[in-house]
Amino acid sequence: MSLTPALIGSEPGLQVVVPGAAARHARVVERDGAFVLQDGGSALGTFLAGERVHECEIGSSCVHAAQDLVGLGVDDQEQVISHCR
């Protein structure tokens, strides 16, 4: 059973619902055994460690480290949705 793609956005029924984000803001897919965060073309952006990304490999276990923050641009500011490594 595949857990990806995991869709992230404000659209009801997605795997991760974030009010104020674009309807289908971003997704996480598995590629060659790694997880990849992909922006869905959102106007306000998708961020990893405070840097705007279009596509970036992320780790698979969650921790609380600033360099591993995943965020979405919501209402002209970055909203952190997860600490991932």
Protein backbone atom coordinates (compact mmCIF):
# COMPACT_ATOMS: atom_id res chain seq x y z
CA MET A 1 0.00 0.00 0.00
CA SER A 2 1.39 3.38 -1.01
CA LEU A 3 1.06 6.36 1.32
CA THR A 4 1.97 8.82 -1.41
CA PRO A 5 1.15 11.08 -2.95
CA ALA A 6 0.00 12.87 0.19
CA LEU A 7 -1.90 15.97 -0.92
CA ILE A 8 -1.70 19.16 1.18
CA GLY A 9 -4.04 22.14 0.85
CA SER A 10 -7.33 23.70 1.90
CA GLU A 11 -9.54 21.36 -0.13
CA PRO A 12 -11.66 19.13 2.15
CA GLY A 13 -10.73 15.45 1.96
CA LEU A 14 -7.02 15.88 1.33
CA GLN A 15 -4.57 13.98 3.52
CA VAL A 16 -3.40 17.25 5.18
CA VAL A 17 -5.95 20.10 5.28
CA VAL A 18 -4.54 23.59 5.96
CA PRO A 19 -7.15 26.38 6.09
CA GLY A 20 -6.05 29.41 4.05
CA ALA A 21 -3.65 27.46 1.83
CA ALA A 22 -4.28 26.95 -1.87
CA ALA A 23 -6.81 24.19 -2.64
CA ARG A 24 -4.01 21.78 -3.65
CA HIS A 25 -1.00 23.66 -2.34
CA ALA A 26 1.64 20.91 -2.25
CA ARG A 27 2.19 17.17 -2.18
CA VAL A 28 4.66 14.66 -0.81
CA VAL A 29 5.60 11.81 -3.11
CA GLU A 30 7.96 8.88 -2.70
CA ARG A 31 10.78 8.62 -5.21
CA ASP A 32 13.57 6.03 -5.05
CA GLY A 33 12.94 5.39 -1.35
CA ALA A 34 13.00 9.08 -0.39
CA PHE A 35 10.16 11.52 0.27
CA VAL A 36 9.97 14.57 -1.99
CA LEU A 37 8.03 17.75 -1.17
CA GLN A 38 6.58 19.35 -4.32
CA ASP A 39 4.88 22.72 -4.60
CA GLY A 40 1.57 22.51 -6.47
CA GLY A 41 2.03 25.86 -8.23
CA SER A 42 0.76 27.87 -5.27
CA ALA A 43 1.07 31.66 -5.45
CA LEU A 44 2.37 32.00 -1.88
CA GLY A 45 4.85 29.13 -2.03
CA THR A 46 5.99 26.01 -0.21
CA PHE A 47 8.96 26.21 2.15
CA LEU A 48 11.55 23.88 3.66
CA ALA A 49 13.74 25.34 6.43
CA GLY A 50 12.46 28.82 5.55
CA GLU A 51 13.57 28.57 1.91
CA ARG A 52 10.97 28.58 -0.86
CA VAL A 53 11.12 25.32 -2.81
CA HIS A 54 9.44 23.92 -5.89
CA GLU A 55 10.69 20.39 -5.26
CA CYS A 56 12.95 19.17 -2.48
CA GLU A 57 13.81 15.85 -0.82
CA ILE A 58 12.80 15.59 2.81
CA GLY A 59 13.51 12.96 5.42
CA SER A 60 11.10 10.42 6.81
CA SER A 61 11.11 10.98 10.59
CA CYS A 62 9.74 14.00 12.43
CA VAL A 63 11.93 16.03 14.78
CA HIS A 64 11.94 19.52 16.23
CA ALA A 65 14.78 21.26 14.44
CA ALA A 66 14.54 24.63 12.70
CA GLN A 67 16.36 23.38 9.61
CA ASP A 68 13.63 20.79 9.02
CA LEU A 69 10.49 22.97 9.09
CA VAL A 70 7.96 22.44 6.30
CA GLY A 71 5.70 25.42 5.72
CA LEU A 72 3.12 26.80 3.31
CA GLY A 73 2.56 30.39 2.25
CA VAL A 74 -0.81 31.30 3.76
CA ASP A 75 -2.20 34.85 3.82
CA ASP A 76 1.18 36.36 2.81
CA GLN A 77 3.09 34.58 5.58
CA GLU A 78 4.65 31.19 6.09
CA GLN A 79 2.57 28.76 8.16
CA VAL A 80 4.60 25.85 9.54
CA ILE A 81 2.78 22.55 9.12
CA SER A 82 5.38 20.01 10.23
CA HIS A 83 8.87 19.45 11.58
CA CYS A 84 10.37 16.81 9.30
CA ARG A 85 13.75 15.29 8.85
